PDB file of N, CA and C in Angstrom:
ATOM      1  N   MET A   1    -154.814  42.362-163.990  1.00  0.00           N
ATOM      2  CA  MET A   1    -153.931  42.134-162.909  1.00  0.00           C
ATOM      3  C   MET A   1    -153.112  40.872-163.125  1.00  0.00           C
ATOM      4  N   THR A   2    -151.780  41.001-162.811  1.00  0.00           N
ATOM      5  CA  THR A   2    -150.864  39.879-162.978  1.00  0.00           C
ATOM      6  C   THR A   2    -150.968  38.904-161.917  1.00  0.00           C
ATOM      7  N   GLU A   3    -151.074  37.625-162.357  1.00  0.00           N
ATOM      8  CA  GLU A   3    -151.007  36.514-161.443  1.00  0.00           C
ATOM      9  C   GLU A   3    -149.621  35.942-161.481  1.00  0.00           C
ATOM     10  N   PHE A   4    -148.994  35.841-160.218  1.00  0.00           N
ATOM     11  CA  PHE A   4    -147.621  35.427-160.147  1.00  0.00           C
ATOM     12  C   PHE A   4    -147.547  33.986-159.995  1.00  0.00           C
ATOM     13  N   LEU A   5    -146.551  33.357-160.461  1.00  0.00           N
ATOM     14  CA  LEU A   5    -146.403  31.884-160.407  1.00  0.00           C
ATOM     15  C   LEU A   5    -145.869  31.457-159.090  1.00  0.00           C
ATOM     16  N   CYS A   6    -144.936  32.315-158.456  1.00  0.00           N
ATOM     17  CA  CYS A   6    -144.415  31.934-157.263  1.00  0.00           C
ATOM     18  C   CYS A   6    -143.926  33.327-156.612  1.00  0.00           C
ATOM     19  N   GLY A   7    -143.436  33.113-155.427  1.00  0.00           N
ATOM     20  CA  GLY A   7    -142.830  34.325-154.675  1.00  0.00           C
ATOM     21  C   GLY A   7    -141.731  34.950-155.478  1.00  0.00           C
ATOM     22  N   LEU A   8    -140.831  34.185-155.947  1.00  0.00           N
ATOM     23  CA  LEU A   8    -139.760  34.701-156.691  1.00  0.00           C
ATOM     24  C   LEU A   8    -140.155  35.520-157.949  1.00  0.00           C
ATOM     25  N   ASP A   9    -141.199  35.006-158.587  1.00  0.00           N
ATOM     26  CA  ASP A   9    -141.817  35.733-159.683  1.00  0.00           C
ATOM     27  C   ASP A   9    -142.335  37.183-159.219  1.00  0.00           C
ATOM     28  N   ALA A  10    -142.919  37.241-157.953  1.00  0.00           N
ATOM     29  CA  ALA A  10    -143.472  38.504-157.573  1.00  0.00           C
ATOM     30  C   ALA A  10    -142.281  39.431-157.094  1.00  0.00           C
ATOM     31  N   ALA A  11    -141.253  38.926-156.531  1.00  0.00           N
ATOM     32  CA  ALA A  11    -140.122  39.637-156.056  1.00  0.00           C
ATOM     33  C   ALA A  11    -139.331  40.238-157.272  1.00  0.00           C
ATOM     34  N   VAL A  12    -139.133  39.489-158.286  1.00  0.00           N
ATOM     35  CA  VAL A  12    -138.461  39.911-159.486  1.00  0.00           C
ATOM     36  C   VAL A  12    -139.300  41.032-160.281  1.00  0.00           C
ATOM     37  N   ALA A  13    -140.573  40.896-160.180  1.00  0.00           N
ATOM     38  CA  ALA A  13    -141.483  41.902-160.771  1.00  0.00           C
ATOM     39  C   ALA A  13    -141.249  43.212-160.041  1.00  0.00           C
ATOM     40  N   VAL A  14    -141.032  43.176-158.804  1.00  0.00           N
ATOM     41  CA  VAL A  14    -140.883  44.417-158.033  1.00  0.00           C
ATOM     42  C   VAL A  14    -139.543  45.038-158.295  1.00  0.00           C
ATOM     43  N   VAL A  15    -138.427  44.269-158.261  1.00  0.00           N
ATOM     44  CA  VAL A  15    -137.065  44.849-158.454  1.00  0.00           C
ATOM     45  C   VAL A  15    -136.550  44.670-159.934  1.00  0.00           C
ATOM     46  N   GLY A  16    -137.360  44.287-160.932  1.00  0.00           N
ATOM     47  CA  GLY A  16    -136.882  44.063-162.301  1.00  0.00           C
ATOM     48  C   GLY A  16    -136.576  45.408-162.800  1.00  0.00           C
ATOM     49  N   GLY A  17    -135.484  45.381-163.774  1.00  0.00           N
ATOM     50  CA  GLY A  17    -135.042  46.528-164.343  1.00  0.00           C
ATOM     51  C   GLY A  17    -133.692  46.949-163.952  1.00  0.00           C
ATOM     52  N   LYS A  18    -132.931  47.758-164.687  1.00  0.00           N
ATOM     53  CA  LYS A  18    -131.609  48.125-164.414  1.00  0.00           C
ATOM     54  C   LYS A  18    -131.475  48.926-163.151  1.00  0.00           C
ATOM     55  N   TRP A  19    -132.378  49.812-162.875  1.00  0.00           N
ATOM     56  CA  TRP A  19    -132.267  50.867-161.802  1.00  0.00           C
ATOM     57  C   TRP A  19    -132.932  50.567-160.441  1.00  0.00           C
ATOM     58  N   LYS A  20    -133.994  49.772-160.564  1.00  0.00           N
ATOM     59  CA  LYS A  20    -134.594  49.532-159.225  1.00  0.00           C
ATOM     60  C   LYS A  20    -133.773  49.000-158.183  1.00  0.00           C
ATOM     61  N   PRO A  21    -132.944  47.949-158.349  1.00  0.00           N
ATOM     62  CA  PRO A  21    -132.102  47.513-157.241  1.00  0.00           C
ATOM     63  C   PRO A  21    -131.128  48.563-156.764  1.00  0.00           C
ATOM     64  N   LEU A  22    -130.594  49.450-157.775  1.00  0.00           N
ATOM     65  CA  LEU A  22    -129.691  50.525-157.346  1.00  0.00           C
ATOM     66  C   LEU A  22    -130.460  51.623-156.522  1.00  0.00           C
ATOM     67  N   ILE A  23    -131.578  51.880-156.913  1.00  0.00           N
ATOM     68  CA  ILE A  23    -132.331  52.817-156.132  1.00  0.00           C
ATOM     69  C   ILE A  23    -132.640  52.348-154.730  1.00  0.00           C
ATOM     70  N   LEU A  24    -132.962  51.057-154.524  1.00  0.00           N
ATOM     71  CA  LEU A  24    -133.069  50.439-153.296  1.00  0.00           C
ATOM     72  C   LEU A  24    -131.818  50.495-152.462  1.00  0.00           C
ATOM     73  N   TRP A  25    -130.764  50.205-153.213  1.00  0.00           N
ATOM     74  CA  TRP A  25    -129.341  50.319-152.365  1.00  0.00           C
ATOM     75  C   TRP A  25    -129.152  51.661-151.989  1.00  0.00           C
ATOM     76  N   ALA A  26    -129.319  52.641-152.808  1.00  0.00           N
ATOM     77  CA  ALA A  26    -129.106  54.084-152.393  1.00  0.00           C
ATOM     78  C   ALA A  26    -130.004  54.466-151.214  1.00  0.00           C
ATOM     79  N   LEU A  27    -131.340  54.132-151.337  1.00  0.00           N
ATOM     80  CA  LEU A  27    -132.174  54.559-150.304  1.00  0.00           C
ATOM     81  C   LEU A  27    -132.028  53.800-149.008  1.00  0.00           C
ATOM     82  N   SER A  28    -131.381  52.656-148.960  1.00  0.00           N
ATOM     83  CA  SER A  28    -131.015  51.902-147.758  1.00  0.00           C
ATOM     84  C   SER A  28    -130.008  52.536-146.934  1.00  0.00           C
ATOM     85  N   VAL A  29    -129.221  53.447-147.569  1.00  0.00           N
ATOM     86  CA  VAL A  29    -128.219  54.235-146.872  1.00  0.00           C
ATOM     87  C   VAL A  29    -128.913  55.354-146.178  1.00  0.00           C
ATOM     88  N   GLN A  30    -129.772  56.082-146.714  1.00  0.00           N
ATOM     89  CA  GLN A  30    -130.393  57.267-146.235  1.00  0.00           C
ATOM     90  C   GLN A  30    -131.517  57.631-147.222  1.00  0.00           C
ATOM     91  N   PRO A  31    -132.504  58.423-146.700  1.00  0.00           N
ATOM     92  CA  PRO A  31    -133.523  58.926-147.554  1.00  0.00           C
ATOM     93  C   PRO A  31    -132.882  59.960-148.546  1.00  0.00           C
ATOM     94  N   ARG A  32    -133.356  60.162-149.697  1.00  0.00           N
ATOM     95  CA  ARG A  32    -132.801  60.993-150.639  1.00  0.00           C
ATOM     96  C   ARG A  32    -133.858  61.796-151.477  1.00  0.00           C
ATOM     97  N   ARG A  33    -133.548  62.864-152.016  1.00  0.00           N
ATOM     98  CA  ARG A  33    -134.314  63.570-152.937  1.00  0.00           C
ATOM     99  C   ARG A  33    -133.949  63.080-154.387  1.00  0.00           C
ATOM    100  N   THR A  34    -134.802  63.480-155.306  1.00  0.00           N
ATOM    101  CA  THR A  34    -134.705  62.930-156.691  1.00  0.00           C
ATOM    102  C   THR A  34    -133.293  63.365-157.188  1.00  0.00           C
ATOM    103  N   GLY A  35    -132.868  64.574-157.070  1.00  0.00           N
ATOM    104  CA  GLY A  35    -131.559  65.076-157.617  1.00  0.00           C
ATOM    105  C   GLY A  35    -130.435  64.325-156.984  1.00  0.00           C
ATOM    106  N   GLU A  36    -130.515  64.038-155.588  1.00  0.00           N
ATOM    107  CA  GLU A  36    -129.450  63.315-154.980  1.00  0.00           C
ATOM    108  C   GLU A  36    -129.404  61.802-155.639  1.00  0.00           C
ATOM    109  N   LEU A  37    -130.490  61.217-155.881  1.00  0.00           N
ATOM    110  CA  LEU A  37    -130.478  59.905-156.468  1.00  0.00           C
ATOM    111  C   LEU A  37    -129.894  59.935-157.964  1.00  0.00           C
ATOM    112  N   ARG A  38    -130.179  60.994-158.668  1.00  0.00           N
ATOM    113  CA  ARG A  38    -129.670  61.183-160.037  1.00  0.00           C
ATOM    114  C   ARG A  38    -128.073  61.263-159.924  1.00  0.00           C
ATOM    115  N   ARG A  39    -127.576  61.990-159.017  1.00  0.00           N
ATOM    116  CA  ARG A  39    -126.104  61.987-158.831  1.00  0.00           C
ATOM    117  C   ARG A  39    -125.464  60.739-158.358  1.00  0.00           C
ATOM    118  N   GLU A  40    -126.262  60.008-157.485  1.00  0.00           N
ATOM    119  CA  GLU A  40    -125.817  58.797-156.935  1.00  0.00           C
ATOM    120  C   GLU A  40    -125.804  57.678-158.023  1.00  0.00           C
ATOM    121  N   LEU A  41    -126.618  57.816-159.116  1.00  0.00           N
ATOM    122  CA  LEU A  41    -126.784  56.683-160.084  1.00  0.00           C
ATOM    123  C   LEU A  41    -126.553  57.389-161.451  1.00  0.00           C
ATOM    124  N   PRO A  42    -125.221  57.570-161.749  1.00  0.00           N
ATOM    125  CA  PRO A  42    -125.018  58.215-163.087  1.00  0.00           C
ATOM    126  C   PRO A  42    -125.467  57.404-164.232  1.00  0.00           C
ATOM    127  N   GLY A  43    -126.110  58.045-165.210  1.00  0.00           N
ATOM    128  CA  GLY A  43    -126.605  57.350-166.355  1.00  0.00           C
ATOM    129  C   GLY A  43    -128.112  57.191-166.380  1.00  0.00           C
ATOM    130  N   VAL A  44    -128.758  57.386-165.256  1.00  0.00           N
ATOM    131  CA  VAL A  44    -130.210  57.328-165.241  1.00  0.00           C
ATOM    132  C   VAL A  44    -130.830  58.647-165.703  1.00  0.00           C
ATOM    133  N   SER A  45    -131.777  58.553-166.514  1.00  0.00           N
ATOM    134  CA  SER A  45    -132.412  59.817-166.811  1.00  0.00           C
ATOM    135  C   SER A  45    -133.516  60.250-165.862  1.00  0.00           C
ATOM    136  N   GLU A  46    -133.901  61.483-165.717  1.00  0.00           N
ATOM    137  CA  GLU A  46    -134.844  61.908-164.710  1.00  0.00           C
ATOM    138  C   GLU A  46    -136.189  61.219-165.039  1.00  0.00           C
ATOM    139  N   LYS A  47    -136.516  61.107-166.195  1.00  0.00           N
ATOM    140  CA  LYS A  47    -137.844  60.403-166.678  1.00  0.00           C
ATOM    141  C   LYS A  47    -137.874  58.995-166.100  1.00  0.00           C
ATOM    142  N   VAL A  48    -136.786  58.228-166.345  1.00  0.00           N
ATOM    143  CA  VAL A  48    -136.646  56.815-165.890  1.00  0.00           C
ATOM    144  C   VAL A  48    -136.776  56.801-164.340  1.00  0.00           C
ATOM    145  N   LEU A  49    -135.889  57.599-163.774  1.00  0.00           N
ATOM    146  CA  LEU A  49    -135.711  57.591-162.386  1.00  0.00           C
ATOM    147  C   LEU A  49    -137.107  57.721-161.711  1.00  0.00           C
ATOM    148  N   ILE A  50    -137.943  58.824-162.168  1.00  0.00           N
ATOM    149  CA  ILE A  50    -139.219  59.071-161.621  1.00  0.00           C
ATOM    150  C   ILE A  50    -140.225  57.943-161.792  1.00  0.00           C
ATOM    151  N   GLN A  51    -140.135  57.374-163.123  1.00  0.00           N
ATOM    152  CA  GLN A  51    -140.957  56.149-163.376  1.00  0.00           C
ATOM    153  C   GLN A  51    -140.727  54.994-162.433  1.00  0.00           C
ATOM    154  N   GLN A  52    -139.470  54.742-162.161  1.00  0.00           N
ATOM    155  CA  GLN A  52    -138.924  53.500-161.342  1.00  0.00           C
ATOM    156  C   GLN A  52    -139.353  53.871-159.963  1.00  0.00           C
ATOM    157  N   LEU A  53    -139.169  55.156-159.447  1.00  0.00           N
ATOM    158  CA  LEU A  53    -139.632  55.354-158.105  1.00  0.00           C
ATOM    159  C   LEU A  53    -141.180  55.393-157.925  1.00  0.00           C
ATOM    160  N   ARG A  54    -141.941  55.753-158.862  1.00  0.00           N
ATOM    161  CA  ARG A  54    -143.347  55.565-158.871  1.00  0.00           C
ATOM    162  C   ARG A  54    -143.785  54.135-158.646  1.00  0.00           C
ATOM    163  N   GLU A  55    -143.108  53.226-159.464  1.00  0.00           N
ATOM    164  CA  GLU A  55    -143.355  51.859-159.464  1.00  0.00           C
ATOM    165  C   GLU A  55    -143.002  51.230-158.178  1.00  0.00           C
ATOM    166  N   LEU A  56    -141.878  51.689-157.611  1.00  0.00           N
ATOM    167  CA  LEU A  56    -141.429  51.084-156.309  1.00  0.00           C
ATOM    168  C   LEU A  56    -142.402  51.555-155.205  1.00  0.00           C
ATOM    169  N   GLU A  57    -142.863  52.798-155.312  1.00  0.00           N
ATOM    170  CA  GLU A  57    -143.878  53.378-154.426  1.00  0.00           C
ATOM    171  C   GLU A  57    -145.174  52.618-154.488  1.00  0.00           C
ATOM    172  N   ARG A  58    -145.654  52.381-155.629  1.00  0.00           N
ATOM    173  CA  ARG A  58    -146.842  51.526-155.940  1.00  0.00           C
ATOM    174  C   ARG A  58    -146.702  50.159-155.234  1.00  0.00           C
ATOM    175  N   ASP A  59    -145.576  49.484-155.359  1.00  0.00           N
ATOM    176  CA  ASP A  59    -145.326  48.223-154.854  1.00  0.00           C
ATOM    177  C   ASP A  59    -145.090  48.155-153.312  1.00  0.00           C
ATOM    178  N   GLY A  60    -145.151  49.303-152.735  1.00  0.00           N
ATOM    179  CA  GLY A  60    -144.983  49.442-151.298  1.00  0.00           C
ATOM    180  C   GLY A  60    -143.665  49.415-150.697  1.00  0.00           C
ATOM    181  N   VAL A  61    -142.544  49.589-151.494  1.00  0.00           N
ATOM    182  CA  VAL A  61    -141.194  49.464-150.936  1.00  0.00           C
ATOM    183  C   VAL A  61    -140.541  50.842-150.745  1.00  0.00           C
ATOM    184  N   VAL A  62    -141.186  51.828-151.403  1.00  0.00           N
ATOM    185  CA  VAL A  62    -140.532  53.187-151.240  1.00  0.00           C
ATOM    186  C   VAL A  62    -141.758  54.071-150.844  1.00  0.00           C
ATOM    187  N   ARG A  63    -141.313  55.075-149.997  1.00  0.00           N
ATOM    188  CA  ARG A  63    -142.200  56.030-149.547  1.00  0.00           C
ATOM    189  C   ARG A  63    -141.887  57.450-150.167  1.00  0.00           C
ATOM    190  N   ARG A  64    -142.906  58.221-150.645  1.00  0.00           N
ATOM    191  CA  ARG A  64    -142.579  59.547-151.126  1.00  0.00           C
ATOM    192  C   ARG A  64    -143.231  60.586-150.185  1.00  0.00           C
ATOM    193  N   GLU A  65    -142.382  61.479-149.614  1.00  0.00           N
ATOM    194  CA  GLU A  65    -142.835  62.413-148.747  1.00  0.00           C
ATOM    195  C   GLU A  65    -142.643  63.796-149.216  1.00  0.00           C
ATOM    196  N   VAL A  66    -143.728  64.524-149.460  1.00  0.00           N
ATOM    197  CA  VAL A  66    -143.690  65.890-149.986  1.00  0.00           C
ATOM    198  C   VAL A  66    -143.763  66.903-148.823  1.00  0.00           C
ATOM    199  N   HIS A  67    -142.674  67.751-148.713  1.00  0.00           N
ATOM    200  CA  HIS A  67    -142.635  68.725-147.720  1.00  0.00           C
ATOM    201  C   HIS A  67    -143.226  70.046-148.288  1.00  0.00           C
ATOM    202  N   ASP A  68    -144.190  70.706-147.532  1.00  0.00           N
ATOM    203  CA  ASP A  68    -144.803  71.851-147.906  1.00  0.00           C
ATOM    204  C   ASP A  68    -143.940  73.065-147.778  1.00  0.00           C
ATOM    205  N   GLN A  69    -143.274  73.315-148.921  1.00  0.00           N
ATOM    206  CA  GLN A  69    -142.323  74.584-148.912  1.00  0.00           C
ATOM    207  C   GLN A  69    -142.213  74.942-150.380  1.00  0.00           C
ATOM    208  N   VAL A  70    -141.611  76.017-150.641  1.00  0.00           N
ATOM    209  CA  VAL A  70    -141.370  76.606-151.936  1.00  0.00           C
ATOM    210  C   VAL A  70    -139.864  76.709-152.242  1.00  0.00           C
ATOM    211  N   PRO A  71    -139.247  76.068-153.138  1.00  0.00           N
ATOM    212  CA  PRO A  71    -139.887  75.050-154.039  1.00  0.00           C
ATOM    213  C   PRO A  71    -140.171  73.791-153.285  1.00  0.00           C
ATOM    214  N   PRO A  72    -141.081  72.976-153.805  1.00  0.00           N
ATOM    215  CA  PRO A  72    -141.453  71.733-153.104  1.00  0.00           C
ATOM    216  C   PRO A  72    -140.339  70.912-152.966  1.00  0.00           C
ATOM    217  N   LYS A  73    -140.269  70.192-151.793  1.00  0.00           N
ATOM    218  CA  LYS A  73    -139.196  69.304-151.549  1.00  0.00           C
ATOM    219  C   LYS A  73    -139.754  67.866-151.326  1.00  0.00           C
ATOM    220  N   VAL A  74    -139.229  66.963-152.211  1.00  0.00           N
ATOM    221  CA  VAL A  74    -139.854  65.606-152.223  1.00  0.00           C
ATOM    222  C   VAL A  74    -138.688  64.625-151.694  1.00  0.00           C
ATOM    223  N   VAL A  75    -138.945  63.854-150.700  1.00  0.00           N
ATOM    224  CA  VAL A  75    -137.894  63.045-150.158  1.00  0.00           C
ATOM    225  C   VAL A  75    -138.400  61.543-150.289  1.00  0.00           C
ATOM    226  N   TYR A  76    -137.521  60.653-150.761  1.00  0.00           N
ATOM    227  CA  TYR A  76    -137.910  59.330-150.896  1.00  0.00           C
ATOM    228  C   TYR A  76    -137.156  58.485-149.906  1.00  0.00           C
ATOM    229  N   SER A  77    -137.879  57.555-149.293  1.00  0.00           N
ATOM    230  CA  SER A  77    -137.202  56.643-148.347  1.00  0.00           C
ATOM    231  C   SER A  77    -137.787  55.164-148.454  1.00  0.00           C
ATOM    232  N   LEU A  78    -137.124  54.286-147.836  1.00  0.00           N
ATOM    233  CA  LEU A  78    -137.701  52.869-147.826  1.00  0.00           C
ATOM    234  C   LEU A  78    -138.677  52.704-146.793  1.00  0.00           C
ATOM    235  N   THR A  79    -139.730  51.923-147.093  1.00  0.00           N
ATOM    236  CA  THR A  79    -140.657  51.459-146.158  1.00  0.00           C
ATOM    237  C   THR A  79    -140.068  50.222-145.371  1.00  0.00           C
ATOM    238  N   ASP A  80    -140.842  49.685-144.422  1.00  0.00           N
ATOM    239  CA  ASP A  80    -140.358  48.503-143.745  1.00  0.00           C
ATOM    240  C   ASP A  80    -140.275  47.338-144.766  1.00  0.00           C
ATOM    241  N   ASP A  81    -141.170  47.258-145.680  1.00  0.00           N
ATOM    242  CA  ASP A  81    -141.091  46.280-146.735  1.00  0.00           C
ATOM    243  C   ASP A  81    -139.814  46.431-147.640  1.00  0.00           C
ATOM    244  N   GLY A  82    -139.466  47.758-147.862  1.00  0.00           N
ATOM    245  CA  GLY A  82    -138.332  48.080-148.655  1.00  0.00           C
ATOM    246  C   GLY A  82    -137.010  47.669-148.033  1.00  0.00           C
ATOM    247  N   PHE A  83    -136.987  47.919-146.585  1.00  0.00           N
ATOM    248  CA  PHE A  83    -135.791  47.474-145.920  1.00  0.00           C
ATOM    249  C   PHE A  83    -135.719  45.936-145.868  1.00  0.00           C
ATOM    250  N   ALA A  84    -136.805  45.243-145.915  1.00  0.00           N
ATOM    251  CA  ALA A  84    -136.859  43.731-145.861  1.00  0.00           C
ATOM    252  C   ALA A  84    -136.314  43.286-147.287  1.00  0.00           C
ATOM    253  N   LEU A  85    -136.835  43.974-148.311  1.00  0.00           N
ATOM    254  CA  LEU A  85    -136.345  43.587-149.707  1.00  0.00           C
ATOM    255  C   LEU A  85    -134.926  43.886-149.943  1.00  0.00           C
ATOM    256  N   ASP A  86    -134.344  44.996-149.302  1.00  0.00           N
ATOM    257  CA  ASP A  86    -132.983  45.284-149.413  1.00  0.00           C
ATOM    258  C   ASP A  86    -132.116  44.208-148.612  1.00  0.00           C
ATOM    259  N   ARG A  87    -132.586  43.732-147.465  1.00  0.00           N
ATOM    260  CA  ARG A  87    -131.920  42.633-146.814  1.00  0.00           C
ATOM    261  C   ARG A  87    -131.895  41.364-147.623  1.00  0.00           C
ATOM    262  N   ALA A  88    -133.022  41.107-148.347  1.00  0.00           N
ATOM    263  CA  ALA A  88    -133.120  39.842-149.136  1.00  0.00           C
ATOM    264  C   ALA A  88    -132.135  39.916-150.380  1.00  0.00           C
ATOM    265  N   LEU A  89    -131.933  41.208-150.854  1.00  0.00           N
ATOM    266  CA  LEU A  89    -131.139  41.337-152.124  1.00  0.00           C
ATOM    267  C   LEU A  89    -129.577  41.337-151.721  1.00  0.00           C
ATOM    268  N   ARG A  90    -129.242  41.529-150.439  1.00  0.00           N
ATOM    269  CA  ARG A  90    -127.818  41.580-150.065  1.00  0.00           C
ATOM    270  C   ARG A  90    -127.059  40.331-150.476  1.00  0.00           C
ATOM    271  N   PRO A  91    -127.611  39.242-150.189  1.00  0.00           N
ATOM    272  CA  PRO A  91    -126.788  37.986-150.586  1.00  0.00           C
ATOM    273  C   PRO A  91    -126.477  37.980-152.083  1.00  0.00           C
ATOM    274  N   LEU A  92    -127.461  38.357-152.924  1.00  0.00           N
ATOM    275  CA  LEU A  92    -127.291  38.485-154.375  1.00  0.00           C
ATOM    276  C   LEU A  92    -126.200  39.476-154.719  1.00  0.00           C
ATOM    277  N   GLY A  93    -126.173  40.682-154.021  1.00  0.00           N
ATOM    278  CA  GLY A  93    -125.067  41.611-154.249  1.00  0.00           C
ATOM    279  C   GLY A  93    -123.738  41.119-153.828  1.00  0.00           C
ATOM    280  N   ASP A  94    -123.702  40.338-152.747  1.00  0.00           N
ATOM    281  CA  ASP A  94    -122.472  39.792-152.203  1.00  0.00           C
ATOM    282  C   ASP A  94    -121.967  38.703-153.262  1.00  0.00           C
ATOM    283  N   TRP A  95    -122.825  37.989-153.902  1.00  0.00           N
ATOM    284  CA  TRP A  95    -122.432  37.049-154.938  1.00  0.00           C
ATOM    285  C   TRP A  95    -121.827  37.699-156.098  1.00  0.00           C
ATOM    286  N   GLY A  96    -122.453  38.885-156.533  1.00  0.00           N
ATOM    287  CA  GLY A  96    -121.981  39.565-157.641  1.00  0.00           C
ATOM    288  C   GLY A  96    -120.741  40.270-157.363  1.00  0.00           C
ATOM    289  N   GLU A  97    -120.565  40.750-156.062  1.00  0.00           N
ATOM    290  CA  GLU A  97    -119.287  41.427-155.714  1.00  0.00           C
ATOM    291  C   GLU A  97    -118.033  40.422-155.834  1.00  0.00           C
ATOM    292  N   GLU A  98    -118.325  39.163-155.271  1.00  0.00           N
ATOM    293  CA  GLU A  98    -117.271  38.154-155.299  1.00  0.00           C
ATOM    294  C   GLU A  98    -116.915  37.698-156.717  1.00  0.00           C
ATOM    295  N   ARG A  99    -117.770  37.902-157.658  1.00  0.00           N
ATOM    296  CA  ARG A  99    -117.514  37.409-158.988  1.00  0.00           C
ATOM    297  C   ARG A  99    -117.449  38.420-160.107  1.00  0.00           C
ATOM    298  N   MET A 100    -117.377  39.698-159.735  1.00  0.00           N
ATOM    299  CA  MET A 100    -117.429  40.821-160.597  1.00  0.00           C
ATOM    300  C   MET A 100    -116.364  40.851-161.610  1.00  0.00           C
ATOM    301  N   ILE A 101    -115.114  40.556-161.170  1.00  0.00           N
ATOM    302  CA  ILE A 101    -114.011  40.614-162.184  1.00  0.00           C
ATOM    303  C   ILE A 101    -114.126  39.444-163.107  1.00  0.00           C
ATOM    304  N   GLN A 102    -114.466  38.386-162.659  1.00  0.00           N
ATOM    305  CA  GLN A 102    -114.579  37.190-163.483  1.00  0.00           C
ATOM    306  C   GLN A 102    -115.869  37.371-164.540  1.00  0.00           C
ATOM    307  N   ILE A 103    -116.848  37.989-164.048  1.00  0.00           N
ATOM    308  CA  ILE A 103    -118.004  38.318-164.898  1.00  0.00           C
ATOM    309  C   ILE A 103    -117.548  39.180-166.013  1.00  0.00           C
ATOM    310  N   ASN A 104    -116.971  40.272-165.583  1.00  0.00           N
ATOM    311  CA  ASN A 104    -116.452  41.372-166.535  1.00  0.00           C
ATOM    312  C   ASN A 104    -115.545  40.701-167.493  1.00  0.00           C
ATOM    313  N   ALA A 105    -114.568  39.879-167.071  1.00  0.00           N
ATOM    314  CA  ALA A 105    -113.641  39.388-168.062  1.00  0.00           C
ATOM    315  C   ALA A 105    -114.279  38.431-169.052  1.00  0.00           C
ATOM    316  N   GLY A 106    -115.180  37.671-168.583  1.00  0.00           N
ATOM    317  CA  GLY A 106    -115.939  36.749-169.448  1.00  0.00           C
ATOM    318  C   GLY A 106    -116.757  37.639-170.528  1.00  0.00           C
ATOM    319  N   ARG A 107    -117.308  38.744-170.112  1.00  0.00           N
ATOM    320  CA  ARG A 107    -118.173  39.502-171.037  1.00  0.00           C
ATOM    321  C   ARG A 107    -117.241  40.136-172.017  1.00  0.00           C
ATOM    322  N   GLN A 108    -116.045  40.657-171.598  1.00  0.00           N
ATOM    323  CA  GLN A 108    -115.147  41.308-172.524  1.00  0.00           C
ATOM    324  C   GLN A 108    -114.599  40.315-173.469  1.00  0.00           C
ATOM    325  N   ALA A 109    -114.432  39.077-173.064  1.00  0.00           N
ATOM    326  CA  ALA A 109    -113.823  38.062-173.952  1.00  0.00           C
ATOM    327  C   ALA A 109    -114.969  37.575-174.872  1.00  0.00           C
ATOM    328  N   GLY A 110    -116.183  37.836-174.585  1.00  0.00           N
ATOM    329  CA  GLY A 110    -117.203  37.327-175.372  1.00  0.00           C
ATOM    330  C   GLY A 110    -117.488  35.814-175.289  1.00  0.00           C
ATOM    331  N   THR A 111    -117.056  35.250-174.194  1.00  0.00           N
ATOM    332  CA  THR A 111    -117.345  33.809-173.972  1.00  0.00           C
ATOM    333  C   THR A 111    -118.741  33.522-173.422  1.00  0.00           C
ATOM    334  N   PRO A 112    -119.386  32.380-173.855  1.00  0.00           N
ATOM    335  CA  PRO A 112    -120.662  32.180-173.559  1.00  0.00           C
ATOM    336  C   PRO A 112    -120.879  31.845-172.105  1.00  0.00           C
TER     337      PRO A 112
END
């Protein structure tokens, strides 16, 4: 079991990775099926998406609901903790939105 050094360490462990914050963002709008998430997040493979969803479910921020029908329908949504985490990430998203052009320009120029 991992021992976290502080709350930030624990939070980053939950949202770490390229796709988890984007999955949280998509689910904050409305619950979605796996295929809907794949269309919403171009570039994510099905394998990685499912792995990330399982980790978010394990950490208590995503709920997986299986509907008893043929073919099976699985819907993912945020838990109360997931909505709280989404609210906590919004200022970070706002910061990135305000600086996106400058960050892209710096990366294209290769400046440190």
